[in-house]
Amino acid sequence: MRELSEQEEFWRGAFGDQYVARNQGQPLVAANLALFAKALARTTRLDSLLELGTNSGNNLRALHQLLPECALHGVEINASAHAEAQALGIAEVWQGSLFDYPRERSFDLTLSKGVLIHLAPELLPAAYAQLYELSRRYILIGEYYNPSPVEVSYRGNSGKLFKRDFAGEMLDRYADLHLLDYGFGYHRDPQFPVDDITWFLLEKRP
């Protein structure tokens, strides 16, 4: 069995449980719905999608409202978060690390929102490979953006939050990926505040 990284152990444990408890509520789902409506506006029909790092399912709840006919799938390493997401009854949620999710099928869209920022830089190539290989057409990345890599203290913890140009690195890594759209969600938005997420919609093209 593969030895988990420090970040994976961190999110699988008590800190991950606390994150679940902090991030709840219908206003968060509404804000996510507004963000996804913009981020996915230029996609064509989505019959299936996979979210790497679903936590308790707040993104999946918004996506279920936005795309009621889409088969939703998720991956979550924290047992408490996985149980909550699976109990929603709107998605098939696999418990485990995103790095271990099997590439047995592909999806119209793969999604990472607030997940890549918490991975150590040396883990990113494997995460990018999962997003790329599991996608048939679209990849949506919603993370903290910075033009150059930088580490930020996260609730008193070091080595747990990084900002960089994740989408740019994927575009450089995979020649058939193209930028289709991008945008920003602001924490002071008067109607739909989100956590300063910059999103990028990428598309595979021959």
N, C-alpha and C. Protein backbone atom coordinates (compact mmCIF):
# COMPACT_ATOMS: atom_id res chain seq x y z
N MET A 1 0.85 -1.19 0.00
CA MET A 1 0.00 0.00 0.00
C MET A 1 0.89 1.25 0.00
N ARG A 2 0.49 2.25 -0.77
CA ARG A 2 1.26 3.48 -0.89
C ARG A 2 1.22 4.27 0.42
N GLU A 3 2.36 4.82 0.81
CA GLU A 3 2.43 5.66 2.00
C GLU A 3 1.87 7.04 1.67
N LEU A 4 0.93 7.51 2.47
CA LEU A 4 0.31 8.80 2.21
C LEU A 4 1.28 9.94 2.51
N SER A 5 1.13 11.03 1.77
CA SER A 5 1.96 12.21 2.00
C SER A 5 1.51 12.92 3.27
N GLU A 6 2.32 13.86 3.73
CA GLU A 6 1.97 14.64 4.92
C GLU A 6 0.65 15.37 4.73
N GLN A 7 0.44 15.96 3.55
CA GLN A 7 -0.81 16.68 3.28
C GLN A 7 -2.01 15.74 3.30
N GLU A 8 -1.87 14.55 2.73
CA GLU A 8 -2.98 13.60 2.72
C GLU A 8 -3.36 13.18 4.14
N GLU A 9 -2.35 12.91 4.97
CA GLU A 9 -2.61 12.55 6.37
C GLU A 9 -3.28 13.71 7.11
N PHE A 10 -2.84 14.92 6.82
CA PHE A 10 -3.37 16.12 7.47
C PHE A 10 -4.87 16.26 7.20
N TRP A 11 -5.26 16.11 5.94
CA TRP A 11 -6.67 16.27 5.58
C TRP A 11 -7.51 15.06 5.93
N ARG A 12 -6.89 13.92 6.05
CA ARG A 12 -7.63 12.72 6.44
C ARG A 12 -7.97 12.74 7.93
N GLY A 13 -7.21 13.51 8.71
CA GLY A 13 -7.33 13.50 10.17
C GLY A 13 -8.21 14.58 10.75
N ALA A 14 -7.87 15.00 11.98
CA ALA A 14 -8.72 15.90 12.76
C ALA A 14 -8.90 17.26 12.09
N PHE A 15 -7.85 17.78 11.42
CA PHE A 15 -8.00 19.08 10.77
C PHE A 15 -9.04 19.00 9.65
N GLY A 16 -9.04 17.89 8.92
CA GLY A 16 -10.05 17.70 7.90
C GLY A 16 -11.45 17.63 8.47
N ASP A 17 -11.59 17.01 9.63
CA ASP A 17 -12.89 16.95 10.30
C ASP A 17 -13.37 18.36 10.67
N GLN A 18 -12.44 19.17 11.17
CA GLN A 18 -12.78 20.55 11.55
C GLN A 18 -13.19 21.37 10.34
N TYR A 19 -12.54 21.12 9.21
CA TYR A 19 -12.87 21.83 7.97
C TYR A 19 -14.32 21.54 7.57
N VAL A 20 -14.72 20.29 7.70
CA VAL A 20 -16.09 19.90 7.38
C VAL A 20 -17.07 20.70 8.23
N ALA A 21 -16.79 20.79 9.53
CA ALA A 21 -17.69 21.49 10.44
C ALA A 21 -17.78 22.98 10.14
N ARG A 22 -16.68 23.58 9.68
CA ARG A 22 -16.66 25.03 9.39
C ARG A 22 -17.39 25.39 8.11
N ASN A 23 -17.38 24.50 7.15
CA ASN A 23 -17.88 24.84 5.81
C ASN A 23 -19.21 24.16 5.53
N GLN A 24 -20.27 24.78 6.04
CA GLN A 24 -21.62 24.26 5.89
C GLN A 24 -22.57 25.41 5.55
N GLY A 25 -23.75 25.08 5.07
CA GLY A 25 -24.79 26.09 4.93
C GLY A 25 -25.22 26.37 3.51
N GLN A 26 -26.49 26.72 3.38
CA GLN A 26 -27.09 27.00 2.08
C GLN A 26 -26.48 28.21 1.38
N PRO A 27 -26.09 29.29 2.11
CA PRO A 27 -25.45 30.41 1.41
C PRO A 27 -24.19 30.00 0.66
N LEU A 28 -23.42 29.06 1.21
CA LEU A 28 -22.22 28.58 0.52
C LEU A 28 -22.59 27.84 -0.77
N VAL A 29 -23.65 27.06 -0.70
CA VAL A 29 -24.11 26.34 -1.89
C VAL A 29 -24.60 27.33 -2.95
N ALA A 30 -25.32 28.36 -2.53
CA ALA A 30 -25.82 29.38 -3.46
C ALA A 30 -24.67 30.11 -4.14
N ALA A 31 -23.64 30.44 -3.38
CA ALA A 31 -22.48 31.12 -3.96
C ALA A 31 -21.77 30.22 -4.96
N ASN A 32 -21.66 28.94 -4.62
CA ASN A 32 -21.05 27.99 -5.54
C ASN A 32 -21.87 27.85 -6.82
N LEU A 33 -23.19 27.86 -6.67
CA LEU A 33 -24.07 27.74 -7.84
C LEU A 33 -23.85 28.92 -8.79
N ALA A 34 -23.74 30.12 -8.23
CA ALA A 34 -23.49 31.30 -9.07
C ALA A 34 -22.14 31.20 -9.77
N LEU A 35 -21.13 30.73 -9.04
CA LEU A 35 -19.80 30.60 -9.63
C LEU A 35 -19.78 29.56 -10.75
N PHE A 36 -20.37 28.39 -10.50
CA PHE A 36 -20.36 27.34 -11.52
C PHE A 36 -21.19 27.72 -12.74
N ALA A 37 -22.26 28.48 -12.55
CA ALA A 37 -23.06 28.92 -13.69
C ALA A 37 -22.22 29.74 -14.65
N LYS A 38 -21.33 30.56 -14.12
CA LYS A 38 -20.43 31.35 -14.96
C LYS A 38 -19.32 30.47 -15.54
N ALA A 39 -18.73 29.65 -14.69
CA ALA A 39 -17.56 28.88 -15.10
C ALA A 39 -17.88 27.84 -16.16
N LEU A 40 -19.10 27.33 -16.16
CA LEU A 40 -19.46 26.26 -17.10
C LEU A 40 -20.32 26.75 -18.27
N ALA A 41 -20.48 28.06 -18.38
CA ALA A 41 -21.36 28.62 -19.40
C ALA A 41 -20.92 28.28 -20.81
N ARG A 42 -19.64 28.07 -21.04
CA ARG A 42 -19.14 27.82 -22.39
C ARG A 42 -18.94 26.33 -22.68
N THR A 43 -19.35 25.48 -21.78
CA THR A 43 -19.31 24.04 -22.06
C THR A 43 -20.53 23.65 -22.88
N THR A 44 -20.41 22.53 -23.58
CA THR A 44 -21.59 21.92 -24.18
C THR A 44 -22.11 20.89 -23.19
N ARG A 45 -23.03 20.06 -23.61
CA ARG A 45 -23.71 19.16 -22.69
C ARG A 45 -22.72 18.33 -21.86
N LEU A 46 -22.95 18.34 -20.56
CA LEU A 46 -22.13 17.55 -19.63
C LEU A 46 -22.97 16.40 -19.09
N ASP A 47 -22.63 15.19 -19.47
CA ASP A 47 -23.36 14.02 -18.98
C ASP A 47 -22.72 13.40 -17.74
N SER A 48 -21.45 13.73 -17.50
CA SER A 48 -20.77 13.18 -16.33
C SER A 48 -19.65 14.12 -15.91
N LEU A 49 -19.39 14.17 -14.62
CA LEU A 49 -18.25 14.94 -14.12
C LEU A 49 -17.70 14.29 -12.87
N LEU A 50 -16.43 14.58 -12.60
CA LEU A 50 -15.73 14.04 -11.44
C LEU A 50 -15.06 15.19 -10.70
N GLU A 51 -15.36 15.31 -9.41
CA GLU A 51 -14.68 16.30 -8.57
C GLU A 51 -13.63 15.60 -7.72
N LEU A 52 -12.39 16.05 -7.83
CA LEU A 52 -11.32 15.53 -7.01
C LEU A 52 -11.23 16.37 -5.75
N GLY A 53 -11.61 15.79 -4.62
CA GLY A 53 -11.64 16.52 -3.35
C GLY A 53 -12.99 17.16 -3.12
N THR A 54 -14.01 16.35 -2.84
CA THR A 54 -15.38 16.86 -2.72
C THR A 54 -15.69 17.44 -1.36
N ASN A 55 -14.88 17.13 -0.34
CA ASN A 55 -15.21 17.45 1.03
C ASN A 55 -16.64 16.94 1.32
N SER A 56 -17.47 17.72 1.97
CA SER A 56 -18.79 17.23 2.36
C SER A 56 -19.84 17.38 1.26
N GLY A 57 -19.44 17.87 0.09
CA GLY A 57 -20.35 17.89 -1.05
C GLY A 57 -20.99 19.22 -1.37
N ASN A 58 -20.45 20.33 -0.85
CA ASN A 58 -21.05 21.63 -1.15
C ASN A 58 -21.01 21.95 -2.64
N ASN A 59 -19.92 21.63 -3.30
CA ASN A 59 -19.84 21.86 -4.75
C ASN A 59 -20.80 20.93 -5.49
N LEU A 60 -20.87 19.69 -5.05
CA LEU A 60 -21.77 18.74 -5.70
C LEU A 60 -23.22 19.15 -5.56
N ARG A 61 -23.58 19.71 -4.43
CA ARG A 61 -24.97 20.18 -4.23
C ARG A 61 -25.31 21.27 -5.23
N ALA A 62 -24.38 22.20 -5.43
CA ALA A 62 -24.60 23.27 -6.40
C ALA A 62 -24.65 22.72 -7.82
N LEU A 63 -23.76 21.81 -8.14
CA LEU A 63 -23.72 21.23 -9.48
C LEU A 63 -24.96 20.39 -9.77
N HIS A 64 -25.50 19.74 -8.75
CA HIS A 64 -26.72 18.95 -8.94
C HIS A 64 -27.89 19.86 -9.31
N GLN A 65 -27.94 21.05 -8.72
CA GLN A 65 -29.00 22.00 -9.08
C GLN A 65 -28.78 22.56 -10.48
N LEU A 66 -27.54 22.82 -10.81
CA LEU A 66 -27.23 23.43 -12.11
C LEU A 66 -27.33 22.43 -13.24
N LEU A 67 -26.92 21.18 -12.99
CA LEU A 67 -26.86 20.13 -14.01
C LEU A 67 -27.62 18.90 -13.53
N PRO A 68 -28.95 18.97 -13.43
CA PRO A 68 -29.73 17.88 -12.82
C PRO A 68 -29.64 16.55 -13.57
N GLU A 69 -29.27 16.58 -14.85
CA GLU A 69 -29.18 15.34 -15.63
C GLU A 69 -27.76 14.78 -15.68
N CYS A 70 -26.81 15.47 -15.08
CA CYS A 70 -25.41 15.05 -15.13
C CYS A 70 -25.12 14.04 -14.03
N ALA A 71 -24.42 12.97 -14.36
CA ALA A 71 -24.01 11.97 -13.38
C ALA A 71 -22.79 12.51 -12.63
N LEU A 72 -22.97 12.74 -11.33
CA LEU A 72 -21.92 13.36 -10.53
C LEU A 72 -21.11 12.30 -9.80
N HIS A 73 -19.79 12.51 -9.78
CA HIS A 73 -18.88 11.61 -9.08
C HIS A 73 -17.90 12.46 -8.29
N GLY A 74 -17.43 11.91 -7.18
CA GLY A 74 -16.48 12.63 -6.36
C GLY A 74 -15.45 11.72 -5.73
N VAL A 75 -14.39 12.33 -5.24
CA VAL A 75 -13.32 11.63 -4.52
C VAL A 75 -13.05 12.42 -3.25
N GLU A 76 -12.99 11.73 -2.11
CA GLU A 76 -12.73 12.42 -0.85
C GLU A 76 -11.95 11.52 0.10
N ILE A 77 -10.89 12.08 0.69
CA ILE A 77 -10.00 11.30 1.54
C ILE A 77 -10.46 11.26 3.00
N ASN A 78 -11.19 12.29 3.45
CA ASN A 78 -11.61 12.36 4.84
C ASN A 78 -12.89 11.56 5.05
N ALA A 79 -12.89 10.67 6.03
CA ALA A 79 -14.02 9.77 6.22
C ALA A 79 -15.30 10.50 6.59
N SER A 80 -15.21 11.52 7.46
CA SER A 80 -16.40 12.27 7.85
C SER A 80 -16.99 13.03 6.67
N ALA A 81 -16.12 13.68 5.91
CA ALA A 81 -16.58 14.42 4.73
C ALA A 81 -17.17 13.47 3.70
N HIS A 82 -16.52 12.33 3.48
CA HIS A 82 -17.03 11.36 2.53
C HIS A 82 -18.42 10.88 2.93
N ALA A 83 -18.62 10.60 4.20
CA ALA A 83 -19.93 10.12 4.66
C ALA A 83 -21.02 11.16 4.41
N GLU A 84 -20.71 12.43 4.67
CA GLU A 84 -21.70 13.48 4.43
C GLU A 84 -22.01 13.63 2.95
N ALA A 85 -20.97 13.61 2.12
CA ALA A 85 -21.18 13.76 0.67
C ALA A 85 -21.97 12.59 0.10
N GLN A 86 -21.63 11.39 0.51
CA GLN A 86 -22.32 10.20 0.01
C GLN A 86 -23.78 10.20 0.47
N ALA A 87 -24.03 10.68 1.69
CA ALA A 87 -25.38 10.68 2.24
C ALA A 87 -26.32 11.64 1.52
N LEU A 88 -25.77 12.58 0.76
CA LEU A 88 -26.62 13.50 0.00
C LEU A 88 -27.46 12.76 -1.04
N GLY A 89 -26.93 11.63 -1.51
CA GLY A 89 -27.68 10.83 -2.48
C GLY A 89 -27.71 11.41 -3.88
N ILE A 90 -26.78 12.30 -4.19
CA ILE A 90 -26.78 12.94 -5.51
C ILE A 90 -25.56 12.58 -6.33
N ALA A 91 -24.61 11.85 -5.72
CA ALA A 91 -23.35 11.55 -6.41
C ALA A 91 -22.78 10.24 -5.89
N GLU A 92 -21.96 9.63 -6.73
CA GLU A 92 -21.18 8.46 -6.31
C GLU A 92 -19.83 8.98 -5.84
N VAL A 93 -19.58 8.87 -4.54
CA VAL A 93 -18.38 9.44 -3.95
C VAL A 93 -17.45 8.31 -3.48
N TRP A 94 -16.25 8.33 -3.99
CA TRP A 94 -15.24 7.31 -3.70
C TRP A 94 -14.37 7.79 -2.56
N GLN A 95 -14.16 6.97 -1.55
CA GLN A 95 -13.33 7.38 -0.41
C GLN A 95 -11.89 6.97 -0.63
N GLY A 96 -11.00 7.95 -0.55
CA GLY A 96 -9.58 7.70 -0.72
C GLY A 96 -8.89 8.94 -1.26
N SER A 97 -7.61 8.79 -1.53
CA SER A 97 -6.81 9.90 -2.06
C SER A 97 -7.09 10.08 -3.55
N LEU A 98 -7.09 11.33 -3.98
CA LEU A 98 -7.29 11.60 -5.41
C LEU A 98 -6.20 10.96 -6.25
N PHE A 99 -5.03 10.73 -5.66
CA PHE A 99 -3.93 10.11 -6.40
C PHE A 99 -4.17 8.62 -6.66
N ASP A 100 -5.04 8.03 -5.88
CA ASP A 100 -5.29 6.59 -6.00
C ASP A 100 -6.58 6.27 -6.74
N TYR A 101 -7.32 7.29 -7.14
CA TYR A 101 -8.58 7.04 -7.84
C TYR A 101 -8.28 6.34 -9.17
N PRO A 102 -8.93 5.20 -9.41
CA PRO A 102 -8.58 4.41 -10.60
C PRO A 102 -9.04 5.08 -11.90
N ARG A 103 -8.21 4.95 -12.92
CA ARG A 103 -8.55 5.50 -14.24
C ARG A 103 -9.27 4.44 -15.08
N GLU A 104 -10.37 3.97 -14.55
CA GLU A 104 -11.12 2.92 -15.23
C GLU A 104 -12.14 3.48 -16.21
N ARG A 105 -12.46 4.76 -16.07
CA ARG A 105 -13.38 5.42 -16.99
C ARG A 105 -13.00 6.88 -17.06
N SER A 106 -13.62 7.61 -17.95
CA SER A 106 -13.36 9.04 -18.06
C SER A 106 -14.67 9.80 -17.97
N PHE A 107 -14.57 11.11 -17.81
CA PHE A 107 -15.72 11.96 -17.55
C PHE A 107 -15.69 13.17 -18.49
N ASP A 108 -16.87 13.73 -18.76
CA ASP A 108 -16.91 14.90 -19.63
C ASP A 108 -16.12 16.05 -19.03
N LEU A 109 -16.12 16.15 -17.70
CA LEU A 109 -15.41 17.23 -17.03
C LEU A 109 -14.80 16.72 -15.74
N THR A 110 -13.56 17.13 -15.46
CA THR A 110 -12.97 16.91 -14.15
C THR A 110 -12.80 18.26 -13.48
N LEU A 111 -12.88 18.25 -12.15
CA LEU A 111 -12.96 19.50 -11.39
C LEU A 111 -12.07 19.44 -10.16
N SER A 112 -11.38 20.55 -9.92
CA SER A 112 -10.64 20.76 -8.67
C SER A 112 -10.96 22.16 -8.19
N LYS A 113 -11.48 22.27 -6.98
CA LYS A 113 -11.81 23.59 -6.42
C LYS A 113 -11.33 23.64 -4.97
N GLY A 114 -10.30 24.43 -4.73
CA GLY A 114 -9.75 24.54 -3.39
C GLY A 114 -9.03 23.30 -2.93
N VAL A 115 -8.42 22.57 -3.86
CA VAL A 115 -7.73 21.32 -3.53
C VAL A 115 -6.25 21.40 -3.89
N LEU A 116 -5.95 21.84 -5.09
CA LEU A 116 -4.55 21.93 -5.53
C LEU A 116 -3.73 22.85 -4.63
N ILE A 117 -4.37 23.87 -4.08
CA ILE A 117 -3.66 24.81 -3.20
C ILE A 117 -3.11 24.13 -1.95
N HIS A 118 -3.71 23.01 -1.58
CA HIS A 118 -3.30 22.32 -0.36
C HIS A 118 -2.33 21.17 -0.61
N LEU A 119 -1.86 21.03 -1.84
CA LEU A 119 -0.92 19.96 -2.16
C LEU A 119 0.50 20.50 -2.22
N ALA A 120 1.44 19.73 -1.67
CA ALA A 120 2.84 20.11 -1.77
C ALA A 120 3.24 20.18 -3.25
N PRO A 121 4.11 21.11 -3.62
CA PRO A 121 4.46 21.29 -5.03
C PRO A 121 4.90 20.02 -5.73
N GLU A 122 5.60 19.14 -5.02
CA GLU A 122 6.08 17.92 -5.67
C GLU A 122 4.95 16.94 -6.00
N LEU A 123 3.77 17.16 -5.41
CA LEU A 123 2.62 16.29 -5.69
C LEU A 123 1.80 16.77 -6.89
N LEU A 124 2.03 18.00 -7.32
CA LEU A 124 1.18 18.59 -8.36
C LEU A 124 1.22 17.85 -9.70
N PRO A 125 2.38 17.40 -10.19
CA PRO A 125 2.35 16.68 -11.47
C PRO A 125 1.42 15.48 -11.47
N ALA A 126 1.38 14.74 -10.37
CA ALA A 126 0.47 13.59 -10.28
C ALA A 126 -0.99 14.03 -10.23
N ALA A 127 -1.26 15.15 -9.55
CA ALA A 127 -2.63 15.68 -9.50
C ALA A 127 -3.06 16.18 -10.88
N TYR A 128 -2.16 16.89 -11.57
CA TYR A 128 -2.47 17.34 -12.93
C TYR A 128 -2.76 16.14 -13.84
N ALA A 129 -1.99 15.08 -13.68
CA ALA A 129 -2.19 13.90 -14.51
C ALA A 129 -3.56 13.28 -14.27
N GLN A 130 -4.01 13.26 -13.02
CA GLN A 130 -5.34 12.72 -12.74
C GLN A 130 -6.42 13.58 -13.39
N LEU A 131 -6.32 14.89 -13.22
CA LEU A 131 -7.30 15.79 -13.84
C LEU A 131 -7.34 15.61 -15.36
N TYR A 132 -6.17 15.46 -15.95
CA TYR A 132 -6.07 15.35 -17.41
C TYR A 132 -6.54 13.99 -17.91
N GLU A 133 -6.03 12.94 -17.34
CA GLU A 133 -6.31 11.59 -17.85
C GLU A 133 -7.75 11.17 -17.62
N LEU A 134 -8.38 11.66 -16.56
CA LEU A 134 -9.75 11.26 -16.25
C LEU A 134 -10.78 12.10 -17.02
N SER A 135 -10.33 13.13 -17.71
CA SER A 135 -11.23 14.00 -18.46
C SER A 135 -11.29 13.62 -19.93
N ARG A 136 -12.50 13.58 -20.46
CA ARG A 136 -12.67 13.39 -21.90
C ARG A 136 -12.55 14.71 -22.65
N ARG A 137 -12.98 15.80 -22.01
CA ARG A 137 -13.00 17.06 -22.75
C ARG A 137 -12.63 18.30 -21.92
N TYR A 138 -13.29 18.49 -20.77
CA TYR A 138 -13.11 19.73 -20.02
C TYR A 138 -12.42 19.49 -18.67
N ILE A 139 -11.68 20.50 -18.23
CA ILE A 139 -11.09 20.52 -16.90
C ILE A 139 -11.39 21.90 -16.31
N LEU A 140 -11.97 21.92 -15.10
CA LEU A 140 -12.25 23.18 -14.41
C LEU A 140 -11.40 23.24 -13.15
N ILE A 141 -10.59 24.28 -13.05
CA ILE A 141 -9.73 24.50 -11.89
C ILE A 141 -10.17 25.78 -11.20
N GLY A 142 -10.50 25.69 -9.92
CA GLY A 142 -10.86 26.86 -9.13
C GLY A 142 -9.98 26.93 -7.89
N GLU A 143 -8.95 27.76 -7.92
CA GLU A 143 -7.95 27.77 -6.85
C GLU A 143 -7.51 29.21 -6.57
N TYR A 144 -6.63 29.39 -5.58
CA TYR A 144 -6.00 30.70 -5.35
C TYR A 144 -4.90 30.89 -6.38
N TYR A 145 -4.98 31.98 -7.11
CA TYR A 145 -4.01 32.25 -8.18
C TYR A 145 -2.89 33.16 -7.70
N ASN A 146 -1.69 32.89 -8.16
CA ASN A 146 -0.56 33.81 -8.05
C ASN A 146 0.34 33.57 -9.26
N PRO A 147 0.88 34.62 -9.88
CA PRO A 147 1.69 34.41 -11.09
C PRO A 147 2.94 33.59 -10.84
N SER A 148 3.48 33.63 -9.63
CA SER A 148 4.64 32.80 -9.28
C SER A 148 4.32 32.04 -8.00
N PRO A 149 4.90 30.86 -7.81
CA PRO A 149 4.57 30.04 -6.64
C PRO A 149 4.91 30.75 -5.33
N VAL A 150 3.99 30.65 -4.37
CA VAL A 150 4.21 31.24 -3.06
C VAL A 150 3.51 30.39 -2.01
N GLU A 151 4.12 30.27 -0.85
CA GLU A 151 3.50 29.54 0.26
C GLU A 151 2.91 30.54 1.25
N VAL A 152 1.72 30.20 1.79
CA VAL A 152 1.02 31.05 2.74
C VAL A 152 0.71 30.23 3.99
N SER A 153 0.88 30.84 5.17
CA SER A 153 0.50 30.15 6.41
C SER A 153 -1.01 29.90 6.40
N TYR A 154 -1.41 28.71 6.80
CA TYR A 154 -2.82 28.34 6.76
C TYR A 154 -3.28 27.94 8.16
N ARG A 155 -4.01 28.85 8.81
CA ARG A 155 -4.51 28.61 10.17
C ARG A 155 -3.40 28.13 11.10
N GLY A 156 -2.24 28.80 10.99
CA GLY A 156 -1.11 28.49 11.84
C GLY A 156 -0.27 27.32 11.39
N ASN A 157 -0.60 26.73 10.26
CA ASN A 157 0.14 25.57 9.75
C ASN A 157 0.99 25.96 8.54
N SER A 158 2.22 25.48 8.50
CA SER A 158 3.08 25.70 7.35
C SER A 158 3.03 24.48 6.44
N GLY A 159 3.36 24.71 5.16
CA GLY A 159 3.38 23.62 4.21
C GLY A 159 2.00 23.07 3.87
N LYS A 160 0.94 23.89 4.07
CA LYS A 160 -0.42 23.40 3.83
C LYS A 160 -1.21 24.28 2.86
N LEU A 161 -0.64 25.40 2.41
CA LEU A 161 -1.35 26.26 1.47
C LEU A 161 -0.36 26.93 0.53
N PHE A 162 -0.59 26.74 -0.77
CA PHE A 162 0.29 27.27 -1.80
C PHE A 162 -0.54 27.94 -2.89
N LYS A 163 -0.06 29.06 -3.37
CA LYS A 163 -0.69 29.74 -4.51
C LYS A 163 0.27 29.69 -5.69
N ARG A 164 -0.28 29.53 -6.88
CA ARG A 164 0.54 29.53 -8.10
C ARG A 164 -0.40 29.55 -9.31
N ASP A 165 0.16 29.51 -10.50
CA ASP A 165 -0.64 29.48 -11.73
C ASP A 165 -0.87 28.02 -12.13
N PHE A 166 -1.79 27.37 -11.44
CA PHE A 166 -2.05 25.95 -11.68
C PHE A 166 -2.48 25.71 -13.13
N ALA A 167 -3.40 26.53 -13.62
CA ALA A 167 -3.90 26.34 -14.98
C ALA A 167 -2.79 26.55 -16.01
N GLY A 168 -1.96 27.55 -15.79
CA GLY A 168 -0.85 27.80 -16.72
C GLY A 168 0.11 26.63 -16.77
N GLU A 169 0.34 26.01 -15.62
CA GLU A 169 1.23 24.86 -15.58
C GLU A 169 0.63 23.68 -16.34
N MET A 170 -0.69 23.52 -16.26
CA MET A 170 -1.33 22.44 -17.01
C MET A 170 -1.29 22.73 -18.51
N LEU A 171 -1.50 23.99 -18.89
CA LEU A 171 -1.44 24.35 -20.30
C LEU A 171 -0.04 24.11 -20.87
N ASP A 172 0.98 24.36 -20.06
CA ASP A 172 2.36 24.11 -20.50
C ASP A 172 2.65 22.62 -20.59
N ARG A 173 2.03 21.85 -19.74
CA ARG A 173 2.32 20.42 -19.64
C ARG A 173 1.63 19.61 -20.74
N TYR A 174 0.43 20.02 -21.14
CA TYR A 174 -0.37 19.24 -22.09
C TYR A 174 -0.68 20.08 -23.33
N ALA A 175 -0.11 19.70 -24.46
CA ALA A 175 -0.19 20.51 -25.67
C ALA A 175 -1.60 20.62 -26.24
N ASP A 176 -2.46 19.63 -25.97
CA ASP A 176 -3.81 19.66 -26.53
C ASP A 176 -4.81 20.37 -25.62
N LEU A 177 -4.35 20.94 -24.51
CA LEU A 177 -5.23 21.72 -23.65
C LEU A 177 -5.25 23.17 -24.09
N HIS A 178 -6.44 23.77 -24.07
CA HIS A 178 -6.60 25.16 -24.46
C HIS A 178 -7.47 25.88 -23.43
N LEU A 179 -7.18 27.14 -23.21
CA LEU A 179 -7.96 27.95 -22.28
C LEU A 179 -9.26 28.37 -22.96
N LEU A 180 -10.38 27.96 -22.38
CA LEU A 180 -11.68 28.29 -22.95
C LEU A 180 -12.31 29.50 -22.27
N ASP A 181 -12.10 29.63 -20.95
CA ASP A 181 -12.68 30.76 -20.23
C ASP A 181 -12.00 30.85 -18.86
N TYR A 182 -12.18 32.00 -18.20
CA TYR A 182 -11.64 32.16 -16.85
C TYR A 182 -12.39 33.29 -16.17
N GLY A 183 -12.28 33.34 -14.84
CA GLY A 183 -12.97 34.39 -14.09
C GLY A 183 -12.56 34.36 -12.63
N PHE A 184 -13.18 35.25 -11.87
CA PHE A 184 -12.79 35.44 -10.48
C PHE A 184 -14.04 35.59 -9.61
N GLY A 185 -14.00 34.94 -8.44
CA GLY A 185 -15.05 35.11 -7.44
C GLY A 185 -14.49 35.88 -6.25
N TYR A 186 -15.19 36.92 -5.81
CA TYR A 186 -14.66 37.85 -4.82
C TYR A 186 -15.34 37.65 -3.46
N HIS A 187 -14.55 37.69 -2.39
CA HIS A 187 -15.13 37.46 -1.06
C HIS A 187 -16.03 38.60 -0.59
N ARG A 188 -15.96 39.76 -1.27
CA ARG A 188 -16.83 40.88 -0.89
C ARG A 188 -17.98 41.09 -1.88
N ASP A 189 -18.22 40.11 -2.70
CA ASP A 189 -19.39 40.18 -3.58
C ASP A 189 -20.64 40.32 -2.69
N PRO A 190 -21.49 41.33 -2.94
CA PRO A 190 -22.63 41.58 -2.04
C PRO A 190 -23.70 40.50 -2.09
N GLN A 191 -23.76 39.73 -3.16
CA GLN A 191 -24.82 38.73 -3.30
C GLN A 191 -24.29 37.30 -3.17
N PHE A 192 -23.19 36.99 -3.85
CA PHE A 192 -22.65 35.62 -3.86
C PHE A 192 -21.16 35.63 -3.50
N PRO A 193 -20.81 35.91 -2.25
CA PRO A 193 -19.39 35.93 -1.87
C PRO A 193 -18.77 34.54 -1.88
N VAL A 194 -17.60 34.44 -2.47
CA VAL A 194 -16.81 33.20 -2.44
C VAL A 194 -15.39 33.56 -2.02
N ASP A 195 -14.58 32.56 -1.82
CA ASP A 195 -13.29 32.76 -1.16
C ASP A 195 -12.17 33.15 -2.12
N ASP A 196 -12.38 34.26 -2.86
CA ASP A 196 -11.37 34.79 -3.78
C ASP A 196 -10.80 33.71 -4.71
N ILE A 197 -11.69 32.94 -5.28
CA ILE A 197 -11.32 31.85 -6.18
C ILE A 197 -11.14 32.38 -7.61
N THR A 198 -10.04 32.03 -8.22
CA THR A 198 -9.87 32.28 -9.65
C THR A 198 -10.09 30.95 -10.37
N TRP A 199 -11.01 30.95 -11.33
CA TRP A 199 -11.31 29.70 -12.03
C TRP A 199 -10.88 29.76 -13.49
N PHE A 200 -10.52 28.58 -13.99
CA PHE A 200 -10.07 28.42 -15.37
C PHE A 200 -10.75 27.21 -15.97
N LEU A 201 -11.38 27.39 -17.11
CA LEU A 201 -12.00 26.30 -17.83
C LEU A 201 -11.09 25.92 -19.01
N LEU A 202 -10.58 24.71 -18.98
CA LEU A 202 -9.69 24.21 -20.02
C LEU A 202 -10.40 23.17 -20.86
N GLU A 203 -10.03 23.07 -22.12
CA GLU A 203 -10.66 22.10 -23.03
C GLU A 203 -9.60 21.35 -23.79
N LYS A 204 -9.81 20.05 -23.92
CA LYS A 204 -8.95 19.21 -24.76
C LYS A 204 -9.39 19.38 -26.21
N ARG A 205 -8.43 19.69 -27.09
CA ARG A 205 -8.73 19.79 -28.51
C ARG A 205 -7.65 19.04 -29.29
N PRO A 206 -8.03 18.33 -30.34
CA PRO A 206 -7.03 17.59 -31.14
C PRO A 206 -5.99 18.52 -31.74
